[in-house]
PDB file of N, CA and C in Angstrom:
ATOM      1  N   MET A   1     -78.471 137.650  48.228  1.00  0.00           N
ATOM      2  CA  MET A   1     -78.468 136.269  47.785  1.00  0.00           C
ATOM      3  C   MET A   1     -78.715 136.248  46.278  1.00  0.00           C
ATOM      4  N   PHE A   2     -78.009 135.382  45.590  1.00  0.00           N
ATOM      5  CA  PHE A   2     -78.155 135.292  44.147  1.00  0.00           C
ATOM      6  C   PHE A   2     -79.511 134.708  43.784  1.00  0.00           C
ATOM      7  N   GLN A   3     -80.012 135.142  42.632  1.00  0.00           N
ATOM      8  CA  GLN A   3     -81.326 134.709  42.180  1.00  0.00           C
ATOM      9  C   GLN A   3     -81.397 133.193  42.029  1.00  0.00           C
ATOM     10  N   SER A   4     -80.340 132.571  41.494  1.00  0.00           N
ATOM     11  CA  SER A   4     -80.359 131.117  41.297  1.00  0.00           C
ATOM     12  C   SER A   4     -80.423 130.379  42.635  1.00  0.00           C
ATOM     13  N   SER A   5     -79.779 130.938  43.655  1.00  0.00           N
ATOM     14  CA  SER A   5     -79.827 130.332  44.991  1.00  0.00           C
ATOM     15  C   SER A   5     -81.241 130.408  45.564  1.00  0.00           C
ATOM     16  N   ILE A   6     -81.888 131.536  45.366  1.00  0.00           N
ATOM     17  CA  ILE A   6     -83.259 131.709  45.841  1.00  0.00           C
ATOM     18  C   ILE A   6     -84.182 130.727  45.112  1.00  0.00           C
ATOM     19  N   GLU A   7     -84.001 130.616  43.813  1.00  0.00           N
ATOM     20  CA  GLU A   7     -84.846 129.708  43.035  1.00  0.00           C
ATOM     21  C   GLU A   7     -84.647 128.257  43.467  1.00  0.00           C
ATOM     22  N   ARG A   8     -83.401 127.878  43.748  1.00  0.00           N
ATOM     23  CA  ARG A   8     -83.120 126.514  44.208  1.00  0.00           C
ATOM     24  C   ARG A   8     -83.785 126.260  45.565  1.00  0.00           C
ATOM     25  N   ARG A   9     -83.654 127.209  46.475  1.00  0.00           N
ATOM     26  CA  ARG A   9     -84.284 127.064  47.786  1.00  0.00           C
ATOM     27  C   ARG A   9     -85.797 127.017  47.653  1.00  0.00           C
ATOM     28  N   LEU A  10     -86.334 127.801  46.732  1.00  0.00           N
ATOM     29  CA  LEU A  10     -87.775 127.821  46.494  1.00  0.00           C
ATOM     30  C   LEU A  10     -88.249 126.464  45.961  1.00  0.00           C
ATOM     31  N   ARG A  11     -87.495 125.861  45.074  1.00  0.00           N
ATOM     32  CA  ARG A  11     -87.846 124.519  44.568  1.00  0.00           C
ATOM     33  C   ARG A  11     -87.798 123.491  45.698  1.00  0.00           C
ATOM     34  N   ASN A  12     -86.778 123.576  46.532  1.00  0.00           N
ATOM     35  CA  ASN A  12     -86.654 122.638  47.655  1.00  0.00           C
ATOM     36  C   ASN A  12     -87.828 122.776  48.628  1.00  0.00           C
ATOM     37  N   VAL A  13     -88.166 124.009  48.962  1.00  0.00           N
ATOM     38  CA  VAL A  13     -89.283 124.247  49.876  1.00  0.00           C
ATOM     39  C   VAL A  13     -90.587 123.773  49.239  1.00  0.00           C
ATOM     40  N   GLY A  14     -90.758 124.047  47.953  1.00  0.00           N
ATOM     41  CA  GLY A  14     -91.959 123.593  47.250  1.00  0.00           C
ATOM     42  C   GLY A  14     -92.085 122.075  47.268  1.00  0.00           C
ATOM     43  N   GLY A  15     -90.958 121.383  47.081  1.00  0.00           N
ATOM     44  CA  GLY A  15     -90.967 119.926  47.144  1.00  0.00           C
ATOM     45  C   GLY A  15     -91.333 119.423  48.532  1.00  0.00           C
ATOM     46  N   GLU A  16     -90.798 120.086  49.557  1.00  0.00           N
ATOM     47  CA  GLU A  16     -91.138 119.710  50.930  1.00  0.00           C
ATOM     48  C   GLU A  16     -92.622 119.922  51.207  1.00  0.00           C
ATOM     49  N   ILE A  17     -93.172 121.014  50.703  1.00  0.00           N
ATOM     50  CA  ILE A  17     -94.593 121.312  50.906  1.00  0.00           C
ATOM     51  C   ILE A  17     -95.447 120.227  50.257  1.00  0.00           C
ATOM     52  N   ILE A  18     -95.104 119.857  49.043  1.00  0.00           N
ATOM     53  CA  ILE A  18     -95.867 118.810  48.348  1.00  0.00           C
ATOM     54  C   ILE A  18     -95.795 117.506  49.127  1.00  0.00           C
ATOM     55  N   GLY A  19     -94.606 117.128  49.555  1.00  0.00           N
ATOM     56  CA  GLY A  19     -94.447 115.897  50.319  1.00  0.00           C
ATOM     57  C   GLY A  19     -95.225 115.918  51.620  1.00  0.00           C
ATOM     58  N   LEU A  20     -95.170 117.046  52.319  1.00  0.00           N
ATOM     59  CA  LEU A  20     -95.869 117.163  53.590  1.00  0.00           C
ATOM     60  C   LEU A  20     -97.383 117.139  53.396  1.00  0.00           C
ATOM     61  N   ARG A  21     -97.868 117.746  52.348  1.00  0.00           N
ATOM     62  CA  ARG A  21     -99.308 117.701  52.060  1.00  0.00           C
ATOM     63  C   ARG A  21     -99.756 116.269  51.776  1.00  0.00           C
ATOM     64  N   ASN A  22     -98.927 115.521  51.053  1.00  0.00           N
ATOM     65  CA  ASN A  22     -99.253 114.107  50.795  1.00  0.00           C
ATOM     66  C   ASN A  22     -99.274 113.321  52.103  1.00  0.00           C
ATOM     67  N   GLU A  23     -98.276 113.555  52.961  1.00  0.00           N
ATOM     68  CA  GLU A  23     -98.237 112.884  54.259  1.00  0.00           C
ATOM     69  C   GLU A  23     -99.479 113.222  55.083  1.00  0.00           C
ATOM     70  N   LEU A  24     -99.883 114.482  55.050  1.00  0.00           N
ATOM     71  CA  LEU A  24    -101.069 114.904  55.803  1.00  0.00           C
ATOM     72  C   LEU A  24    -102.327 114.231  55.274  1.00  0.00           C
ATOM     73  N   ARG A  25    -102.432 114.099  53.966  1.00  0.00           N
ATOM     74  CA  ARG A  25    -103.606 113.448  53.385  1.00  0.00           C
ATOM     75  C   ARG A  25    -103.698 111.993  53.859  1.00  0.00           C
ATOM     76  N   VAL A  26    -102.575 111.286  53.837  1.00  0.00           N
ATOM     77  CA  VAL A  26    -102.552 109.900  54.301  1.00  0.00           C
ATOM     78  C   VAL A  26    -102.850 109.843  55.793  1.00  0.00           C
ATOM     79  N   LEU A  27    -102.237 110.731  56.548  1.00  0.00           N
ATOM     80  CA  LEU A  27    -102.437 110.762  57.993  1.00  0.00           C
ATOM     81  C   LEU A  27    -103.903 111.017  58.343  1.00  0.00           C
ATOM     82  N   GLU A  28    -104.552 111.911  57.626  1.00  0.00           N
ATOM     83  CA  GLU A  28    -105.962 112.197  57.898  1.00  0.00           C
ATOM     84  C   GLU A  28    -106.853 110.996  57.578  1.00  0.00           C
ATOM     85  N   GLU A  29    -106.496 110.238  56.536  1.00  0.00           N
ATOM     86  CA  GLU A  29    -107.246 109.011  56.246  1.00  0.00           C
ATOM     87  C   GLU A  29    -107.060 107.992  57.364  1.00  0.00           C
ATOM     88  N   GLN A  30    -105.821 107.860  57.833  1.00  0.00           N
ATOM     89  CA  GLN A  30    -105.551 106.940  58.940  1.00  0.00           C
ATOM     90  C   GLN A  30    -106.282 107.386  60.202  1.00  0.00           C
ATOM     91  N   LEU A  31    -106.267 108.671  60.442  1.00  0.00           N
ATOM     92  CA  LEU A  31    -106.935 109.217  61.626  1.00  0.00           C
ATOM     93  C   LEU A  31    -108.428 108.928  61.590  1.00  0.00           C
ATOM     94  N   ALA A  32    -109.054 109.115  60.448  1.00  0.00           N
ATOM     95  CA  ALA A  32    -110.487 108.816  60.319  1.00  0.00           C
ATOM     96  C   ALA A  32    -110.750 107.335  60.579  1.00  0.00           C
ATOM     97  N   HIS A  33    -109.908 106.474  60.023  1.00  0.00           N
ATOM     98  CA  HIS A  33    -110.073 105.029  60.209  1.00  0.00           C
ATOM     99  C   HIS A  33    -109.938 104.652  61.684  1.00  0.00           C
ATOM    100  N   PHE A  34    -108.873 105.115  62.313  1.00  0.00           N
ATOM    101  CA  PHE A  34    -108.633 104.736  63.710  1.00  0.00           C
ATOM    102  C   PHE A  34    -109.614 105.403  64.667  1.00  0.00           C
ATOM    103  N   ALA A  35    -110.128 106.573  64.312  1.00  0.00           N
ATOM    104  CA  ALA A  35    -111.156 107.203  65.150  1.00  0.00           C
ATOM    105  C   ALA A  35    -112.434 106.370  65.128  1.00  0.00           C
ATOM    106  N   ASP A  36    -112.773 105.833  63.953  1.00  0.00           N
ATOM    107  CA  ASP A  36    -113.929 104.931  63.864  1.00  0.00           C
ATOM    108  C   ASP A  36    -113.705 103.676  64.697  1.00  0.00           C
ATOM    109  N   GLU A  37    -112.496 103.129  64.610  1.00  0.00           N
ATOM    110  CA  GLU A  37    -112.183 101.936  65.403  1.00  0.00           C
ATOM    111  C   GLU A  37    -112.258 102.236  66.901  1.00  0.00           C
ATOM    112  N   ALA A  38    -111.773 103.404  67.295  1.00  0.00           N
ATOM    113  CA  ALA A  38    -111.821 103.778  68.713  1.00  0.00           C
ATOM    114  C   ALA A  38    -113.262 103.924  69.186  1.00  0.00           C
ATOM    115  N   ASP A  39    -114.118 104.488  68.333  1.00  0.00           N
ATOM    116  CA  ASP A  39    -115.540 104.599  68.691  1.00  0.00           C
ATOM    117  C   ASP A  39    -116.177 103.221  68.849  1.00  0.00           C
ATOM    118  N   ASP A  40    -115.852 102.326  67.918  1.00  0.00           N
ATOM    119  CA  ASP A  40    -116.377 100.957  68.021  1.00  0.00           C
ATOM    120  C   ASP A  40    -115.876 100.277  69.292  1.00  0.00           C
ATOM    121  N   ALA A  41    -114.604 100.460  69.593  1.00  0.00           N
ATOM    122  CA  ALA A  41    -114.027  99.853  70.800  1.00  0.00           C
ATOM    123  C   ALA A  41    -114.673 100.434  72.054  1.00  0.00           C
ATOM    124  N   ARG A  42    -114.981 101.720  72.016  1.00  0.00           N
ATOM    125  CA  ARG A  42    -115.641 102.354  73.165  1.00  0.00           C
ATOM    126  C   ARG A  42    -117.014 101.739  73.390  1.00  0.00           C
ATOM    127  N   LEU A  43    -117.761 101.551  72.316  1.00  0.00           N
ATOM    128  CA  LEU A  43    -119.087 100.938  72.429  1.00  0.00           C
ATOM    129  C   LEU A  43    -118.997  99.497  72.930  1.00  0.00           C
ATOM    130  N   ARG A  44    -118.045  98.740  72.403  1.00  0.00           N
ATOM    131  CA  ARG A  44    -117.863  97.360  72.874  1.00  0.00           C
ATOM    132  C   ARG A  44    -117.502  97.338  74.351  1.00  0.00           C
ATOM    133  N   SER A  45    -116.691  98.301  74.771  1.00  0.00           N
ATOM    134  CA  SER A  45    -116.282  98.384  76.172  1.00  0.00           C
ATOM    135  C   SER A  45    -117.478  98.684  77.071  1.00  0.00           C
ATOM    136  N   LEU A  46    -118.330  99.578  76.609  1.00  0.00           N
ATOM    137  CA  LEU A  46    -119.518  99.926  77.396  1.00  0.00           C
ATOM    138  C   LEU A  46    -120.492  98.758  77.502  1.00  0.00           C
ATOM    139  N   VAL A  47    -120.646  98.051  76.400  1.00  0.00           N
ATOM    140  CA  VAL A  47    -121.614  96.955  76.365  1.00  0.00           C
ATOM    141  C   VAL A  47    -121.098  95.736  77.120  1.00  0.00           C
ATOM    142  N   SER A  48    -119.853  95.359  76.873  1.00  0.00           N
ATOM    143  CA  SER A  48    -119.357  94.109  77.462  1.00  0.00           C
ATOM    144  C   SER A  48    -118.815  94.280  78.877  1.00  0.00           C
ATOM    145  N   GLU A  49    -118.296  95.466  79.168  1.00  0.00           N
ATOM    146  CA  GLU A  49    -117.728  95.757  80.489  1.00  0.00           C
ATOM    147  C   GLU A  49    -116.669  94.740  80.905  1.00  0.00           C
ATOM    148  N   THR A  50    -115.863  94.287  79.934  1.00  0.00           N
ATOM    149  CA  THR A  50    -114.783  93.352  80.258  1.00  0.00           C
ATOM    150  C   THR A  50    -113.452  94.094  80.251  1.00  0.00           C
ATOM    151  N   PRO A  51    -112.482  93.570  80.986  1.00  0.00           N
ATOM    152  CA  PRO A  51    -111.160  94.216  80.985  1.00  0.00           C
ATOM    153  C   PRO A  51    -110.517  94.255  79.594  1.00  0.00           C
ATOM    154  N   LEU A  52    -110.711  93.191  78.816  1.00  0.00           N
ATOM    155  CA  LEU A  52    -110.140  93.153  77.471  1.00  0.00           C
ATOM    156  C   LEU A  52    -110.732  94.255  76.597  1.00  0.00           C
ATOM    157  N   ALA A  53    -112.032  94.427  76.644  1.00  0.00           N
ATOM    158  CA  ALA A  53    -112.679  95.472  75.844  1.00  0.00           C
ATOM    159  C   ALA A  53    -112.222  96.854  76.297  1.00  0.00           C
ATOM    160  N   GLY A  54    -112.065  97.019  77.598  1.00  0.00           N
ATOM    161  CA  GLY A  54    -111.576  98.303  78.119  1.00  0.00           C
ATOM    162  C   GLY A  54    -110.165  98.602  77.639  1.00  0.00           C
ATOM    163  N   ARG A  55    -109.307  97.584  77.641  1.00  0.00           N
ATOM    164  CA  ARG A  55    -107.932  97.760  77.175  1.00  0.00           C
ATOM    165  C   ARG A  55    -107.897  98.080  75.684  1.00  0.00           C
ATOM    166  N   GLU A  56    -108.730  97.393  74.897  1.00  0.00           N
ATOM    167  CA  GLU A  56    -108.791  97.677  73.463  1.00  0.00           C
ATOM    168  C   GLU A  56    -109.219  99.116  73.206  1.00  0.00           C
ATOM    169  N   HIS A  57    -110.165  99.596  74.011  1.00  0.00           N
ATOM    170  CA  HIS A  57    -110.619 100.982  73.870  1.00  0.00           C
ATOM    171  C   HIS A  57    -109.487 101.946  74.205  1.00  0.00           C
ATOM    172  N   ARG A  58    -108.781 101.697  75.299  1.00  0.00           N
ATOM    173  CA  ARG A  58    -107.672 102.574  75.691  1.00  0.00           C
ATOM    174  C   ARG A  58    -106.576 102.572  74.620  1.00  0.00           C
ATOM    175  N   ASP A  59    -106.256 101.389  74.103  1.00  0.00           N
ATOM    176  CA  ASP A  59    -105.228 101.297  73.063  1.00  0.00           C
ATOM    177  C   ASP A  59    -105.640 102.067  71.805  1.00  0.00           C
ATOM    178  N   ALA A  60    -106.875 101.890  71.405  1.00  0.00           N
ATOM    179  CA  ALA A  60    -107.367 102.592  70.209  1.00  0.00           C
ATOM    180  C   ALA A  60    -107.381 104.100  70.443  1.00  0.00           C
ATOM    181  N   SER A  61    -107.755 104.515  71.637  1.00  0.00           N
ATOM    182  CA  SER A  61    -107.770 105.945  71.953  1.00  0.00           C
ATOM    183  C   SER A  61    -106.358 106.528  71.948  1.00  0.00           C
ATOM    184  N   ARG A  62    -105.392 105.762  72.437  1.00  0.00           N
ATOM    185  CA  ARG A  62    -103.991 106.222  72.421  1.00  0.00           C
ATOM    186  C   ARG A  62    -103.485 106.371  70.991  1.00  0.00           C
ATOM    187  N   THR A  63    -103.866 105.443  70.139  1.00  0.00           N
ATOM    188  CA  THR A  63    -103.459 105.524  68.737  1.00  0.00           C
ATOM    189  C   THR A  63    -104.015 106.788  68.095  1.00  0.00           C
ATOM    190  N   VAL A  64    -105.280 107.070  68.343  1.00  0.00           N
ATOM    191  CA  VAL A  64    -105.908 108.265  67.790  1.00  0.00           C
ATOM    192  C   VAL A  64    -105.220 109.518  68.327  1.00  0.00           C
ATOM    193  N   ALA A  65    -104.928 109.550  69.616  1.00  0.00           N
ATOM    194  CA  ALA A  65    -104.262 110.709  70.217  1.00  0.00           C
ATOM    195  C   ALA A  65    -102.877 110.919  69.600  1.00  0.00           C
ATOM    196  N   ALA A  66    -102.145 109.831  69.378  1.00  0.00           N
ATOM    197  CA  ALA A  66    -100.815 109.939  68.770  1.00  0.00           C
ATOM    198  C   ALA A  66    -100.907 110.470  67.344  1.00  0.00           C
ATOM    199  N   LEU A  67    -101.873 109.980  66.589  1.00  0.00           N
ATOM    200  CA  LEU A  67    -102.069 110.464  65.222  1.00  0.00           C
ATOM    201  C   LEU A  67    -102.461 111.937  65.212  1.00  0.00           C
ATOM    202  N   GLN A  68    -103.281 112.349  66.162  1.00  0.00           N
ATOM    203  CA  GLN A  68    -103.677 113.758  66.244  1.00  0.00           C
ATOM    204  C   GLN A  68    -102.474 114.645  66.569  1.00  0.00           C
ATOM    205  N   ARG A  69    -101.614 114.178  67.480  1.00  0.00           N
ATOM    206  CA  ARG A  69    -100.403 114.946  67.806  1.00  0.00           C
ATOM    207  C   ARG A  69     -99.498 115.056  66.583  1.00  0.00           C
ATOM    208  N   ASP A  70     -99.354 113.956  65.861  1.00  0.00           N
ATOM    209  CA  ASP A  70     -98.533 113.962  64.652  1.00  0.00           C
ATOM    210  C   ASP A  70     -99.107 114.918  63.620  1.00  0.00           C
ATOM    211  N   ARG A  71    -100.419 114.938  63.505  1.00  0.00           N
ATOM    212  CA  ARG A  71    -101.072 115.843  62.556  1.00  0.00           C
ATOM    213  C   ARG A  71    -100.803 117.298  62.920  1.00  0.00           C
ATOM    214  N   VAL A  72    -100.889 117.634  64.205  1.00  0.00           N
ATOM    215  CA  VAL A  72    -100.632 119.004  64.655  1.00  0.00           C
ATOM    216  C   VAL A  72     -99.209 119.427  64.290  1.00  0.00           C
ATOM    217  N   VAL A  73     -98.258 118.535  64.529  1.00  0.00           N
ATOM    218  CA  VAL A  73     -96.856 118.833  64.211  1.00  0.00           C
ATOM    219  C   VAL A  73     -96.696 119.082  62.712  1.00  0.00           C
ATOM    220  N   LYS A  74     -97.315 118.242  61.910  1.00  0.00           N
ATOM    221  CA  LYS A  74     -97.191 118.379  60.454  1.00  0.00           C
ATOM    222  C   LYS A  74     -97.886 119.644  59.940  1.00  0.00           C
ATOM    223  N   VAL A  75     -99.018 119.984  60.500  1.00  0.00           N
ATOM    224  CA  VAL A  75     -99.718 121.203  60.086  1.00  0.00           C
ATOM    225  C   VAL A  75     -98.883 122.431  60.450  1.00  0.00           C
ATOM    226  N   GLU A  76     -98.279 122.419  61.624  1.00  0.00           N
ATOM    227  CA  GLU A  76     -97.412 123.539  62.021  1.00  0.00           C
ATOM    228  C   GLU A  76     -96.209 123.637  61.094  1.00  0.00           C
ATOM    229  N   ARG A  77     -95.609 122.501  60.767  1.00  0.00           N
ATOM    230  CA  ARG A  77     -94.466 122.478  59.851  1.00  0.00           C
ATOM    231  C   ARG A  77     -94.875 122.995  58.472  1.00  0.00           C
ATOM    232  N   LEU A  78     -96.056 122.613  58.016  1.00  0.00           N
ATOM    233  CA  LEU A  78     -96.547 123.086  56.726  1.00  0.00           C
ATOM    234  C   LEU A  78     -96.709 124.603  56.742  1.00  0.00           C
ATOM    235  N   GLY A  79     -97.246 125.141  57.824  1.00  0.00           N
ATOM    236  CA  GLY A  79     -97.399 126.594  57.931  1.00  0.00           C
ATOM    237  C   GLY A  79     -96.061 127.309  57.857  1.00  0.00           C
ATOM    238  N   LYS A  80     -95.058 126.767  58.539  1.00  0.00           N
ATOM    239  CA  LYS A  80     -93.725 127.378  58.508  1.00  0.00           C
ATOM    240  C   LYS A  80     -93.117 127.305  57.107  1.00  0.00           C
ATOM    241  N   LEU A  81     -93.301 126.174  56.444  1.00  0.00           N
ATOM    242  CA  LEU A  81     -92.783 126.039  55.085  1.00  0.00           C
ATOM    243  C   LEU A  81     -93.475 127.006  54.126  1.00  0.00           C
ATOM    244  N   GLU A  82     -94.779 127.181  54.295  1.00  0.00           N
ATOM    245  CA  GLU A  82     -95.503 128.116  53.433  1.00  0.00           C
ATOM    246  C   GLU A  82     -95.050 129.547  53.683  1.00  0.00           C
ATOM    247  N   GLN A  83     -94.764 129.889  54.939  1.00  0.00           N
ATOM    248  CA  GLN A  83     -94.229 131.224  55.246  1.00  0.00           C
ATOM    249  C   GLN A  83     -92.854 131.405  54.615  1.00  0.00           C
ATOM    250  N   LYS A  84     -92.029 130.374  54.698  1.00  0.00           N
ATOM    251  CA  LYS A  84     -90.697 130.433  54.094  1.00  0.00           C
ATOM    252  C   LYS A  84     -90.814 130.595  52.584  1.00  0.00           C
ATOM    253  N   GLN A  85     -91.756 129.868  51.985  1.00  0.00           N
ATOM    254  CA  GLN A  85     -91.972 129.975  50.549  1.00  0.00           C
ATOM    255  C   GLN A  85     -92.390 131.399  50.177  1.00  0.00           C
ATOM    256  N   ASP A  86     -93.304 131.971  50.947  1.00  0.00           N
ATOM    257  CA  ASP A  86     -93.739 133.345  50.691  1.00  0.00           C
ATOM    258  C   ASP A  86     -92.573 134.318  50.796  1.00  0.00           C
ATOM    259  N   SER A  87     -91.743 134.121  51.812  1.00  0.00           N
ATOM    260  CA  SER A  87     -90.586 134.987  52.000  1.00  0.00           C
ATOM    261  C   SER A  87     -89.618 134.879  50.822  1.00  0.00           C
ATOM    262  N   LEU A  88     -89.376 133.664  50.370  1.00  0.00           N
ATOM    263  CA  LEU A  88     -88.491 133.471  49.226  1.00  0.00           C
ATOM    264  C   LEU A  88     -89.079 134.071  47.951  1.00  0.00           C
ATOM    265  N   LEU A  89     -90.378 133.934  47.776  1.00  0.00           N
ATOM    266  CA  LEU A  89     -91.029 134.534  46.603  1.00  0.00           C
ATOM    267  C   LEU A  89     -90.920 136.056  46.642  1.00  0.00           C
ATOM    268  N   ASP A  90     -91.110 136.633  47.825  1.00  0.00           N
ATOM    269  CA  ASP A  90     -90.957 138.086  47.968  1.00  0.00           C
ATOM    270  C   ASP A  90     -89.527 138.517  47.646  1.00  0.00           C
ATOM    271  N   GLU A  91     -88.568 137.756  48.151  1.00  0.00           N
ATOM    272  CA  GLU A  91     -87.168 138.071  47.895  1.00  0.00           C
ATOM    273  C   GLU A  91     -86.845 137.946  46.414  1.00  0.00           C
ATOM    274  N   LEU A  92     -87.354 136.914  45.782  1.00  0.00           N
ATOM    275  CA  LEU A  92     -87.129 136.714  44.356  1.00  0.00           C
ATOM    276  C   LEU A  92     -87.757 137.847  43.552  1.00  0.00           C
ATOM    277  N   ASN A  93     -88.953 138.231  43.917  1.00  0.00           N
ATOM    278  CA  ASN A  93     -89.648 139.310  43.236  1.00  0.00           C
ATOM    279  C   ASN A  93     -88.883 140.630  43.394  1.00  0.00           C
ATOM    280  N   THR A  94     -88.364 140.877  44.593  1.00  0.00           N
ATOM    281  CA  THR A  94     -87.593 142.087  44.849  1.00  0.00           C
ATOM    282  C   THR A  94     -86.336 142.104  43.973  1.00  0.00           C
ATOM    283  N   ARG A  95     -85.664 140.976  43.883  1.00  0.00           N
ATOM    284  CA  ARG A  95     -84.436 140.882  43.057  1.00  0.00           C
ATOM    285  C   ARG A  95     -84.737 141.120  41.590  1.00  0.00           C
ATOM    286  N   LYS A  96     -85.853 140.589  41.117  1.00  0.00           N
ATOM    287  CA  LYS A  96     -86.195 140.749  39.701  1.00  0.00           C
ATOM    288  C   LYS A  96     -86.573 142.186  39.370  1.00  0.00           C
ATOM    289  N   ASN A  97     -87.117 142.903  40.350  1.00  0.00           N
ATOM    290  CA  ASN A  97     -87.552 144.285  40.106  1.00  0.00           C
ATOM    291  C   ASN A  97     -86.445 145.285  40.327  1.00  0.00           C
ATOM    292  N   GLN A  98     -85.278 144.843  40.724  1.00  0.00           N
ATOM    293  CA  GLN A  98     -84.168 145.794  40.938  1.00  0.00           C
ATOM    294  C   GLN A  98     -83.424 146.081  39.657  1.00  0.00           C
TER     295      GLN A  98
END
């Protein structure tokens, strides 16, 4: 593979990594917020023992679970992108040393 092609792919992967890290930062803030809300809803459900409070707790818990699943997917994607970046850097380094 030509050096310029490797460098272009490396820039693209680097841009994806930056974007994904930003998404993860926002997602983690949302997760913290909704986890607090779910805890509050759980306490309200325990205290009031009403169907509405129970439903609010279940809804909040589902939101937190969905955000956690999304976070896992993004963290896995970030790991793959970082591996790809490392591979491209190794390839670029090998080409430069030839």
